[in-house]
Amino acid sequence: MTKPKRPKDRPATPFPVMADTLHRQGDWLWIPLRDEWRNVANKPEEIVRQPPSLAIACVALFAATEVQAIDAEYRRLLERSGCTQVTETQGCDINKTKAQNAKAGFGPAAPAKSSASKGTKVAEQACLAKVAKTVGKPVGTLSVIEVLTGEAGIGVTIKVPGATAPWSCLSDAKGNVQGASFTGKDGD
């Protein structure tokens, strides 16, 4: 008896269009996550073990989809006005300029409204150091935009010169940084 030959061609798509079907040629089953054909003539359990194609296709589609929290026009208005999403809820007007909002008490030129405790200052300094190290810029070139305290820790928003969006950092009052990340889109 001749051994069936492995198909040479790959399916056009990793997953079939119909959710309840599999790519199959004779006794050969396409295993998309392994990127290979498997002979299932004597292994019917191989067919049962394959996850539903639709679920995997949806996950693959979701992973490939670009996700943004705010649209480009809203981001432009925030940048032009010097507001953040948080300060907008506190009265910063995204339809005004940075200078106008600074006069109203918002933005970098705004007088500091700080009830900063020793813990928030320690967290600020730790976050500034972490972001400076991550982006490869001196700490002195970075500026703190906002400090928020909560149950999870102290959130510090940092402006980095030349960056299209601020950095976000989370620390505790002792300066143990839990993470720092860019809030914009990768590649910006």
N, C-alpha and C. Protein backbone atom coordinates (compact mmCIF):
# COMPACT_ATOMS: atom_id res chain seq x y z
N MET A 1 0.84 -1.18 0.00
CA MET A 1 0.00 0.00 0.00
C MET A 1 0.89 1.25 0.00
N THR A 2 0.59 2.21 -0.86
CA THR A 2 1.41 3.41 -0.95
C THR A 2 0.99 4.41 0.12
N LYS A 3 1.98 5.07 0.62
CA LYS A 3 1.75 6.08 1.66
C LYS A 3 1.22 7.35 1.00
N PRO A 4 0.11 7.93 1.50
CA PRO A 4 -0.41 9.16 0.89
C PRO A 4 0.61 10.29 1.04
N LYS A 5 0.73 11.10 -0.01
CA LYS A 5 1.73 12.18 -0.01
C LYS A 5 1.17 13.44 0.64
N ARG A 6 2.05 14.07 1.38
CA ARG A 6 1.72 15.32 2.05
C ARG A 6 1.45 16.40 0.98
N PRO A 7 0.37 17.16 1.12
CA PRO A 7 0.12 18.25 0.17
C PRO A 7 1.27 19.25 0.20
N LYS A 8 1.62 19.76 -0.95
CA LYS A 8 2.74 20.70 -1.04
C LYS A 8 2.28 22.15 -0.86
N ASP A 9 1.07 22.44 -1.28
CA ASP A 9 0.60 23.82 -1.21
C ASP A 9 -0.03 24.13 0.14
N ARG A 10 0.15 25.38 0.56
CA ARG A 10 -0.47 25.86 1.79
C ARG A 10 -1.85 26.41 1.44
N PRO A 11 -2.78 26.35 2.35
CA PRO A 11 -4.09 26.96 2.08
C PRO A 11 -3.93 28.47 1.87
N ALA A 12 -4.83 29.05 1.09
CA ALA A 12 -4.79 30.49 0.81
C ALA A 12 -4.97 31.31 2.08
N THR A 13 -5.76 30.80 3.01
CA THR A 13 -5.95 31.47 4.30
C THR A 13 -5.63 30.46 5.40
N PRO A 14 -5.11 30.91 6.53
CA PRO A 14 -4.79 29.96 7.59
C PRO A 14 -6.03 29.22 8.12
N PHE A 15 -7.16 29.92 8.14
CA PHE A 15 -8.38 29.34 8.67
C PHE A 15 -9.45 29.36 7.59
N PRO A 16 -10.26 28.31 7.51
CA PRO A 16 -11.34 28.28 6.51
C PRO A 16 -12.35 29.40 6.77
N VAL A 17 -13.07 29.77 5.73
CA VAL A 17 -14.08 30.82 5.85
C VAL A 17 -15.22 30.35 6.74
N MET A 18 -15.63 29.13 6.57
CA MET A 18 -16.72 28.58 7.39
C MET A 18 -16.16 28.12 8.73
N ALA A 19 -16.79 28.54 9.81
CA ALA A 19 -16.29 28.25 11.15
C ALA A 19 -16.27 26.77 11.50
N ASP A 20 -17.18 26.02 10.95
CA ASP A 20 -17.28 24.61 11.33
C ASP A 20 -16.54 23.68 10.36
N THR A 21 -15.65 24.20 9.54
CA THR A 21 -14.90 23.37 8.60
C THR A 21 -13.41 23.45 8.90
N LEU A 22 -12.66 22.55 8.31
CA LEU A 22 -11.21 22.53 8.44
C LEU A 22 -10.61 22.42 7.05
N HIS A 23 -9.38 22.91 6.88
CA HIS A 23 -8.67 22.70 5.62
C HIS A 23 -8.24 21.23 5.60
N ARG A 24 -8.74 20.49 4.61
CA ARG A 24 -8.44 19.08 4.56
C ARG A 24 -8.26 18.64 3.12
N GLN A 25 -7.23 17.81 2.87
CA GLN A 25 -7.01 17.21 1.56
C GLN A 25 -6.78 15.73 1.80
N GLY A 26 -7.77 14.93 1.47
CA GLY A 26 -7.68 13.48 1.71
C GLY A 26 -7.55 13.21 3.19
N ASP A 27 -6.49 12.49 3.56
CA ASP A 27 -6.25 12.18 4.97
C ASP A 27 -5.39 13.24 5.65
N TRP A 28 -5.14 14.34 4.97
CA TRP A 28 -4.27 15.37 5.52
C TRP A 28 -5.09 16.55 6.03
N LEU A 29 -4.74 17.02 7.23
CA LEU A 29 -5.42 18.13 7.89
C LEU A 29 -4.43 19.27 8.09
N TRP A 30 -4.82 20.50 7.70
CA TRP A 30 -3.95 21.66 7.89
C TRP A 30 -4.03 22.12 9.33
N ILE A 31 -2.86 22.24 9.99
CA ILE A 31 -2.77 22.69 11.37
C ILE A 31 -2.21 24.12 11.31
N PRO A 32 -3.07 25.15 11.36
CA PRO A 32 -2.62 26.52 11.14
C PRO A 32 -1.61 27.04 12.16
N LEU A 33 -1.78 26.69 13.42
CA LEU A 33 -0.87 27.21 14.43
C LEU A 33 0.50 26.55 14.35
N ARG A 34 0.59 25.40 13.72
CA ARG A 34 1.87 24.71 13.51
C ARG A 34 2.40 24.96 12.10
N ASP A 35 1.56 25.53 11.24
CA ASP A 35 1.93 25.82 9.86
C ASP A 35 2.39 24.54 9.15
N GLU A 36 1.56 23.49 9.28
CA GLU A 36 1.93 22.21 8.66
C GLU A 36 0.70 21.35 8.38
N TRP A 37 0.88 20.39 7.47
CA TRP A 37 -0.14 19.38 7.19
C TRP A 37 0.16 18.17 8.07
N ARG A 38 -0.90 17.52 8.60
CA ARG A 38 -0.73 16.29 9.38
C ARG A 38 -1.63 15.20 8.82
N ASN A 39 -1.08 14.01 8.76
CA ASN A 39 -1.85 12.85 8.31
C ASN A 39 -2.71 12.39 9.48
N VAL A 40 -4.03 12.40 9.28
CA VAL A 40 -4.95 12.04 10.36
C VAL A 40 -5.69 10.74 10.08
N ALA A 41 -5.16 9.94 9.12
CA ALA A 41 -5.83 8.69 8.76
C ALA A 41 -5.99 7.79 9.97
N ASN A 42 -4.98 7.71 10.80
CA ASN A 42 -5.03 6.84 11.98
C ASN A 42 -5.11 7.64 13.27
N LYS A 43 -5.41 8.94 13.17
CA LYS A 43 -5.47 9.79 14.36
C LYS A 43 -6.72 10.65 14.35
N PRO A 44 -7.89 10.07 14.51
CA PRO A 44 -9.10 10.90 14.48
C PRO A 44 -9.15 11.94 15.60
N GLU A 45 -8.40 11.67 16.69
CA GLU A 45 -8.39 12.64 17.79
C GLU A 45 -7.76 13.97 17.36
N GLU A 46 -6.93 13.94 16.32
CA GLU A 46 -6.29 15.15 15.81
C GLU A 46 -7.35 16.13 15.30
N ILE A 47 -8.39 15.62 14.70
CA ILE A 47 -9.47 16.46 14.18
C ILE A 47 -10.24 17.09 15.34
N VAL A 48 -10.49 16.31 16.38
CA VAL A 48 -11.24 16.79 17.54
C VAL A 48 -10.44 17.83 18.31
N ARG A 49 -9.10 17.68 18.34
CA ARG A 49 -8.27 18.59 19.13
C ARG A 49 -8.16 19.97 18.51
N GLN A 50 -8.49 20.13 17.27
CA GLN A 50 -8.34 21.43 16.63
C GLN A 50 -9.39 22.39 17.17
N PRO A 51 -8.96 23.57 17.60
CA PRO A 51 -9.91 24.54 18.13
C PRO A 51 -10.81 25.08 17.02
N PRO A 52 -11.95 25.61 17.39
CA PRO A 52 -12.85 26.17 16.38
C PRO A 52 -12.15 27.26 15.58
N SER A 53 -12.22 27.14 14.28
CA SER A 53 -11.50 28.05 13.40
C SER A 53 -11.98 29.49 13.54
N LEU A 54 -13.27 29.69 13.73
CA LEU A 54 -13.79 31.05 13.81
C LEU A 54 -13.21 31.78 15.02
N ALA A 55 -13.12 31.12 16.15
CA ALA A 55 -12.57 31.77 17.34
C ALA A 55 -11.13 32.19 17.11
N ILE A 56 -10.35 31.35 16.50
CA ILE A 56 -8.95 31.68 16.23
C ILE A 56 -8.87 32.79 15.20
N ALA A 57 -9.70 32.73 14.19
CA ALA A 57 -9.70 33.77 13.17
C ALA A 57 -10.06 35.12 13.79
N CYS A 58 -11.03 35.13 14.69
CA CYS A 58 -11.42 36.38 15.35
C CYS A 58 -10.28 36.93 16.20
N VAL A 59 -9.59 36.06 16.92
CA VAL A 59 -8.46 36.49 17.74
C VAL A 59 -7.37 37.05 16.84
N ALA A 60 -7.07 36.37 15.74
CA ALA A 60 -6.05 36.84 14.81
C ALA A 60 -6.44 38.19 14.21
N LEU A 61 -7.70 38.35 13.86
CA LEU A 61 -8.17 39.61 13.30
C LEU A 61 -8.08 40.73 14.33
N PHE A 62 -8.47 40.44 15.58
CA PHE A 62 -8.42 41.43 16.64
C PHE A 62 -6.98 41.85 16.90
N ALA A 63 -6.05 40.89 16.91
CA ALA A 63 -4.65 41.20 17.17
C ALA A 63 -4.06 42.05 16.06
N ALA A 64 -4.55 41.90 14.85
CA ALA A 64 -4.01 42.66 13.71
C ALA A 64 -4.68 44.02 13.55
N THR A 65 -5.74 44.28 14.29
CA THR A 65 -6.48 45.54 14.16
C THR A 65 -5.84 46.60 15.03
N GLU A 66 -5.64 47.79 14.45
CA GLU A 66 -5.08 48.90 15.19
C GLU A 66 -6.16 49.48 16.09
N VAL A 67 -5.83 49.67 17.36
CA VAL A 67 -6.79 50.19 18.32
C VAL A 67 -6.28 51.52 18.85
N GLN A 68 -7.12 52.52 18.83
CA GLN A 68 -6.77 53.81 19.39
C GLN A 68 -7.89 54.24 20.33
N ALA A 69 -7.49 54.83 21.45
CA ALA A 69 -8.46 55.23 22.45
C ALA A 69 -9.21 56.50 22.04
N ILE A 70 -8.54 57.41 21.33
CA ILE A 70 -9.18 58.65 20.89
C ILE A 70 -8.91 58.84 19.41
N ASP A 71 -9.79 59.58 18.75
CA ASP A 71 -9.58 59.79 17.32
C ASP A 71 -8.58 60.93 17.09
N ALA A 72 -8.11 61.03 15.86
CA ALA A 72 -7.04 61.97 15.51
C ALA A 72 -7.46 63.44 15.74
N GLU A 73 -8.69 63.78 15.41
CA GLU A 73 -9.16 65.16 15.58
C GLU A 73 -9.21 65.56 17.06
N TYR A 74 -9.71 64.66 17.91
CA TYR A 74 -9.77 64.93 19.35
C TYR A 74 -8.35 65.06 19.91
N ARG A 75 -7.44 64.18 19.47
CA ARG A 75 -6.05 64.26 19.91
C ARG A 75 -5.44 65.62 19.51
N ARG A 76 -5.72 66.05 18.26
CA ARG A 76 -5.20 67.34 17.79
C ARG A 76 -5.70 68.48 18.67
N LEU A 77 -7.00 68.45 19.01
CA LEU A 77 -7.57 69.49 19.87
C LEU A 77 -6.94 69.48 21.26
N LEU A 78 -6.71 68.29 21.81
CA LEU A 78 -6.06 68.19 23.12
C LEU A 78 -4.66 68.78 23.07
N GLU A 79 -3.89 68.42 22.04
CA GLU A 79 -2.52 68.92 21.93
C GLU A 79 -2.49 70.43 21.74
N ARG A 80 -3.37 70.96 20.88
CA ARG A 80 -3.42 72.39 20.61
C ARG A 80 -3.80 73.18 21.86
N SER A 81 -4.71 72.63 22.65
CA SER A 81 -5.22 73.34 23.82
C SER A 81 -4.36 73.16 25.07
N GLY A 82 -3.50 72.15 25.05
CA GLY A 82 -2.70 71.87 26.24
C GLY A 82 -3.49 71.10 27.30
N CYS A 83 -4.68 70.66 26.95
CA CYS A 83 -5.52 69.91 27.88
C CYS A 83 -5.17 68.42 27.83
N THR A 84 -5.58 67.70 28.86
CA THR A 84 -5.58 66.25 28.84
C THR A 84 -7.03 65.82 28.99
N GLN A 85 -7.29 64.55 28.83
CA GLN A 85 -8.66 64.09 29.02
C GLN A 85 -9.13 64.36 30.45
N VAL A 86 -8.22 64.26 31.40
CA VAL A 86 -8.59 64.50 32.80
C VAL A 86 -8.84 65.98 33.04
N THR A 87 -7.93 66.86 32.57
CA THR A 87 -8.12 68.29 32.83
C THR A 87 -9.33 68.85 32.08
N GLU A 88 -9.68 68.21 30.96
CA GLU A 88 -10.88 68.64 30.24
C GLU A 88 -12.11 68.47 31.13
N THR A 89 -12.16 67.40 31.90
CA THR A 89 -13.30 67.17 32.79
C THR A 89 -13.29 68.14 33.97
N GLN A 90 -12.13 68.79 34.19
CA GLN A 90 -12.02 69.74 35.29
C GLN A 90 -12.19 71.18 34.81
N GLY A 91 -12.51 71.36 33.50
CA GLY A 91 -12.79 72.69 32.99
C GLY A 91 -11.85 73.20 31.92
N CYS A 92 -10.77 72.49 31.60
CA CYS A 92 -9.87 72.90 30.53
C CYS A 92 -10.65 72.83 29.21
N ASP A 93 -10.59 73.92 28.42
CA ASP A 93 -11.38 74.03 27.20
C ASP A 93 -10.55 73.64 25.98
N ILE A 94 -10.90 72.55 25.31
CA ILE A 94 -10.11 72.07 24.17
C ILE A 94 -10.26 72.98 22.94
N ASN A 95 -11.19 73.92 22.99
CA ASN A 95 -11.37 74.84 21.86
C ASN A 95 -10.56 76.13 22.04
N LYS A 96 -9.83 76.24 23.16
CA LYS A 96 -8.98 77.41 23.40
C LYS A 96 -7.52 77.02 23.17
N THR A 97 -6.65 78.01 23.13
CA THR A 97 -5.22 77.76 22.94
C THR A 97 -4.58 77.38 24.28
N LYS A 98 -3.33 76.93 24.20
CA LYS A 98 -2.59 76.59 25.43
C LYS A 98 -2.46 77.83 26.33
N ALA A 99 -2.19 78.97 25.70
CA ALA A 99 -2.01 80.21 26.48
C ALA A 99 -3.31 80.59 27.20
N GLN A 100 -4.44 80.48 26.50
CA GLN A 100 -5.72 80.82 27.13
C GLN A 100 -6.03 79.86 28.29
N ASN A 101 -5.75 78.57 28.09
CA ASN A 101 -6.00 77.59 29.16
C ASN A 101 -5.03 77.78 30.32
N ALA A 102 -3.79 78.21 30.02
CA ALA A 102 -2.82 78.47 31.09
C ALA A 102 -3.30 79.63 31.97
N LYS A 103 -3.86 80.66 31.34
CA LYS A 103 -4.41 81.79 32.11
C LYS A 103 -5.56 81.34 33.00
N ALA A 104 -6.30 80.34 32.53
CA ALA A 104 -7.44 79.83 33.30
C ALA A 104 -6.99 78.83 34.37
N GLY A 105 -5.68 78.54 34.42
CA GLY A 105 -5.18 77.64 35.46
C GLY A 105 -4.94 76.22 35.01
N PHE A 106 -4.85 75.99 33.70
CA PHE A 106 -4.60 74.65 33.18
C PHE A 106 -3.34 74.66 32.33
N GLY A 107 -2.68 73.52 32.28
CA GLY A 107 -1.52 73.37 31.41
C GLY A 107 -0.21 73.61 32.13
N PRO A 108 0.93 73.52 31.38
CA PRO A 108 2.24 73.62 31.99
C PRO A 108 2.53 74.97 32.62
N ALA A 109 1.97 76.05 32.05
CA ALA A 109 2.22 77.37 32.61
C ALA A 109 1.28 77.68 33.77
N ALA A 110 0.38 76.77 34.04
CA ALA A 110 -0.59 76.99 35.10
C ALA A 110 0.10 76.91 36.46
N PRO A 111 -0.40 77.69 37.42
CA PRO A 111 0.17 77.59 38.75
C PRO A 111 -0.06 76.19 39.31
N ALA A 112 0.92 75.69 39.98
CA ALA A 112 0.85 74.32 40.49
C ALA A 112 -0.23 74.23 41.55
N LYS A 113 -1.14 73.30 41.36
CA LYS A 113 -2.17 73.01 42.35
C LYS A 113 -1.73 71.73 43.01
N SER A 114 -0.83 71.85 43.93
CA SER A 114 -0.23 70.65 44.47
C SER A 114 -0.56 70.47 45.94
N SER A 115 -1.10 69.35 46.20
CA SER A 115 -1.23 68.92 47.58
C SER A 115 -0.27 67.74 47.70
N ALA A 116 0.89 67.91 47.01
CA ALA A 116 1.86 66.82 46.90
C ALA A 116 2.41 66.44 48.26
N SER A 117 2.34 65.20 48.54
CA SER A 117 2.93 64.68 49.75
C SER A 117 4.33 64.21 49.43
N LYS A 118 5.07 63.83 50.43
CA LYS A 118 6.42 63.32 50.21
C LYS A 118 6.36 62.11 49.30
N GLY A 119 5.33 61.28 49.44
CA GLY A 119 5.20 60.07 48.63
C GLY A 119 5.01 60.35 47.15
N THR A 120 4.21 61.40 46.84
CA THR A 120 4.02 61.71 45.42
C THR A 120 5.29 62.28 44.81
N LYS A 121 6.05 63.04 45.57
CA LYS A 121 7.32 63.58 45.07
C LYS A 121 8.30 62.44 44.79
N VAL A 122 8.35 61.46 45.66
CA VAL A 122 9.23 60.30 45.47
C VAL A 122 8.80 59.54 44.22
N ALA A 123 7.49 59.35 44.06
CA ALA A 123 6.97 58.65 42.89
C ALA A 123 7.27 59.42 41.61
N GLU A 124 7.11 60.76 41.65
CA GLU A 124 7.43 61.59 40.49
C GLU A 124 8.88 61.40 40.07
N GLN A 125 9.78 61.51 41.03
CA GLN A 125 11.21 61.39 40.73
C GLN A 125 11.55 59.99 40.19
N ALA A 126 10.95 58.96 40.76
CA ALA A 126 11.21 57.59 40.30
C ALA A 126 10.69 57.40 38.88
N CYS A 127 9.51 57.95 38.60
CA CYS A 127 8.93 57.83 37.25
C CYS A 127 9.73 58.64 36.24
N LEU A 128 10.15 59.84 36.62
CA LEU A 128 10.98 60.63 35.72
C LEU A 128 12.26 59.87 35.36
N ALA A 129 12.88 59.26 36.35
CA ALA A 129 14.11 58.49 36.11
C ALA A 129 13.85 57.30 35.20
N LYS A 130 12.74 56.60 35.44
CA LYS A 130 12.41 55.41 34.64
C LYS A 130 12.14 55.79 33.18
N VAL A 131 11.33 56.83 32.96
CA VAL A 131 11.01 57.24 31.59
C VAL A 131 12.26 57.79 30.90
N ALA A 132 13.08 58.57 31.62
CA ALA A 132 14.30 59.12 31.04
C ALA A 132 15.23 57.99 30.58
N LYS A 133 15.34 56.97 31.41
CA LYS A 133 16.19 55.82 31.06
C LYS A 133 15.61 55.08 29.85
N THR A 134 14.29 54.92 29.82
CA THR A 134 13.63 54.20 28.72
C THR A 134 13.78 54.92 27.39
N VAL A 135 13.63 56.25 27.40
CA VAL A 135 13.69 57.00 26.14
C VAL A 135 15.10 57.49 25.82
N GLY A 136 16.03 57.37 26.77
CA GLY A 136 17.40 57.77 26.53
C GLY A 136 17.60 59.28 26.51
N LYS A 137 16.86 59.98 27.36
CA LYS A 137 17.00 61.45 27.44
C LYS A 137 17.31 61.82 28.89
N PRO A 138 17.96 62.97 29.09
CA PRO A 138 18.24 63.40 30.47
C PRO A 138 16.95 63.71 31.23
N VAL A 139 16.96 63.41 32.51
CA VAL A 139 15.78 63.65 33.35
C VAL A 139 15.35 65.12 33.29
N GLY A 140 16.31 66.02 33.22
CA GLY A 140 16.01 67.45 33.21
C GLY A 140 15.22 67.93 32.00
N THR A 141 15.19 67.13 30.94
CA THR A 141 14.44 67.54 29.74
C THR A 141 12.98 67.11 29.81
N LEU A 142 12.65 66.25 30.75
CA LEU A 142 11.28 65.76 30.89
C LEU A 142 10.52 66.64 31.88
N SER A 143 9.19 66.67 31.73
CA SER A 143 8.39 67.44 32.69
C SER A 143 7.15 66.65 33.09
N VAL A 144 6.77 66.80 34.34
CA VAL A 144 5.58 66.14 34.87
C VAL A 144 4.37 66.98 34.49
N ILE A 145 3.39 66.32 33.87
CA ILE A 145 2.17 67.00 33.46
C ILE A 145 1.10 66.86 34.54
N GLU A 146 1.06 65.67 35.13
CA GLU A 146 -0.04 65.38 36.05
C GLU A 146 0.36 64.27 37.01
N VAL A 147 -0.13 64.36 38.24
CA VAL A 147 0.09 63.32 39.24
C VAL A 147 -1.26 62.99 39.85
N LEU A 148 -1.63 61.72 39.78
CA LEU A 148 -2.90 61.28 40.35
C LEU A 148 -2.65 60.13 41.32
N THR A 149 -3.33 60.17 42.44
CA THR A 149 -3.17 59.08 43.40
C THR A 149 -4.43 58.22 43.41
N GLY A 150 -4.26 56.95 43.66
CA GLY A 150 -5.39 56.03 43.70
C GLY A 150 -4.99 54.75 44.42
N GLU A 151 -5.91 53.82 44.45
CA GLU A 151 -5.65 52.55 45.13
C GLU A 151 -4.50 51.78 44.52
N ALA A 152 -4.36 51.85 43.20
CA ALA A 152 -3.31 51.08 42.52
C ALA A 152 -1.94 51.70 42.72
N GLY A 153 -1.88 52.96 43.11
CA GLY A 153 -0.61 53.63 43.30
C GLY A 153 -0.70 55.07 42.87
N ILE A 154 0.45 55.62 42.50
CA ILE A 154 0.53 57.01 42.09
C ILE A 154 0.81 57.05 40.60
N GLY A 155 -0.10 57.63 39.84
CA GLY A 155 0.05 57.74 38.39
C GLY A 155 0.70 59.06 38.04
N VAL A 156 1.76 58.99 37.25
CA VAL A 156 2.49 60.19 36.85
C VAL A 156 2.48 60.27 35.33
N THR A 157 1.99 61.38 34.78
CA THR A 157 1.99 61.60 33.34
C THR A 157 3.15 62.53 33.02
N ILE A 158 3.99 62.11 32.06
CA ILE A 158 5.25 62.81 31.79
C ILE A 158 5.33 63.23 30.33
N LYS A 159 5.72 64.48 30.09
CA LYS A 159 5.94 64.99 28.74
C LYS A 159 7.40 64.78 28.39
N VAL A 160 7.62 64.16 27.22
CA VAL A 160 8.98 63.93 26.71
C VAL A 160 9.14 64.78 25.45
N PRO A 161 10.17 65.63 25.39
CA PRO A 161 10.36 66.47 24.21
C PRO A 161 10.48 65.62 22.94
N GLY A 162 9.74 66.02 21.91
CA GLY A 162 9.79 65.31 20.63
C GLY A 162 8.80 64.16 20.53
N ALA A 163 8.19 63.74 21.64
CA ALA A 163 7.22 62.64 21.61
C ALA A 163 5.86 63.20 21.18
N THR A 164 5.10 62.40 20.46
CA THR A 164 3.79 62.85 19.98
C THR A 164 2.70 62.73 21.03
N ALA A 165 3.00 62.05 22.11
CA ALA A 165 2.03 61.88 23.21
C ALA A 165 2.83 61.71 24.50
N PRO A 166 2.21 61.93 25.64
CA PRO A 166 2.94 61.77 26.90
C PRO A 166 3.18 60.31 27.28
N TRP A 167 3.99 60.11 28.28
CA TRP A 167 4.26 58.80 28.87
C TRP A 167 3.47 58.70 30.17
N SER A 168 3.07 57.49 30.50
CA SER A 168 2.33 57.24 31.74
C SER A 168 3.15 56.29 32.59
N CYS A 169 3.20 56.58 33.88
CA CYS A 169 4.01 55.76 34.79
C CYS A 169 3.20 55.51 36.06
N LEU A 170 3.37 54.33 36.63
CA LEU A 170 2.70 53.98 37.88
C LEU A 170 3.75 53.57 38.90
N SER A 171 3.69 54.19 40.06
CA SER A 171 4.66 53.93 41.12
C SER A 171 3.94 53.89 42.46
N ASP A 172 4.65 53.41 43.47
CA ASP A 172 4.09 53.52 44.81
C ASP A 172 4.78 54.70 45.51
N ALA A 173 4.39 55.01 46.73
CA ALA A 173 4.92 56.16 47.45
C ALA A 173 6.39 56.01 47.81
N LYS A 174 6.91 54.79 47.74
CA LYS A 174 8.34 54.55 48.05
C LYS A 174 9.21 54.64 46.81
N GLY A 175 8.60 54.90 45.64
CA GLY A 175 9.37 55.02 44.41
C GLY A 175 9.58 53.73 43.67
N ASN A 176 8.83 52.68 44.02
CA ASN A 176 8.91 51.42 43.29
C ASN A 176 8.03 51.52 42.05
N VAL A 177 8.65 51.67 40.90
CA VAL A 177 7.92 51.85 39.65
C VAL A 177 7.36 50.51 39.19
N GLN A 178 6.06 50.49 38.95
CA GLN A 178 5.40 49.27 38.48
C GLN A 178 5.40 49.18 36.97
N GLY A 179 5.54 50.32 36.30
CA GLY A 179 5.56 50.30 34.84
C GLY A 179 5.50 51.70 34.28
N ALA A 180 6.07 51.84 33.06
CA ALA A 180 6.02 53.11 32.35
C ALA A 180 5.76 52.79 30.88
N SER A 181 4.85 53.52 30.26
CA SER A 181 4.52 53.23 28.86
C SER A 181 4.13 54.49 28.11
N PHE A 182 4.36 54.44 26.80
CA PHE A 182 4.01 55.53 25.90
C PHE A 182 2.50 55.50 25.66
N THR A 183 1.84 56.63 25.76
CA THR A 183 0.37 56.64 25.63
C THR A 183 -0.08 56.82 24.18
N GLY A 184 0.85 57.13 23.29
CA GLY A 184 0.48 57.30 21.89
C GLY A 184 0.54 55.98 21.14
N LYS A 185 0.43 56.10 19.83
CA LYS A 185 0.46 54.95 18.95
C LYS A 185 1.92 54.60 18.68
N ASP A 186 2.27 53.29 18.69
CA ASP A 186 3.62 52.87 18.39
C ASP A 186 4.03 53.39 17.03
N GLY A 187 5.26 53.84 16.93
CA GLY A 187 5.76 54.36 15.67
C GLY A 187 5.65 55.87 15.58
N ASP A 188 4.92 56.49 16.53
CA ASP A 188 4.80 57.96 16.52
C ASP A 188 6.00 58.56 17.19
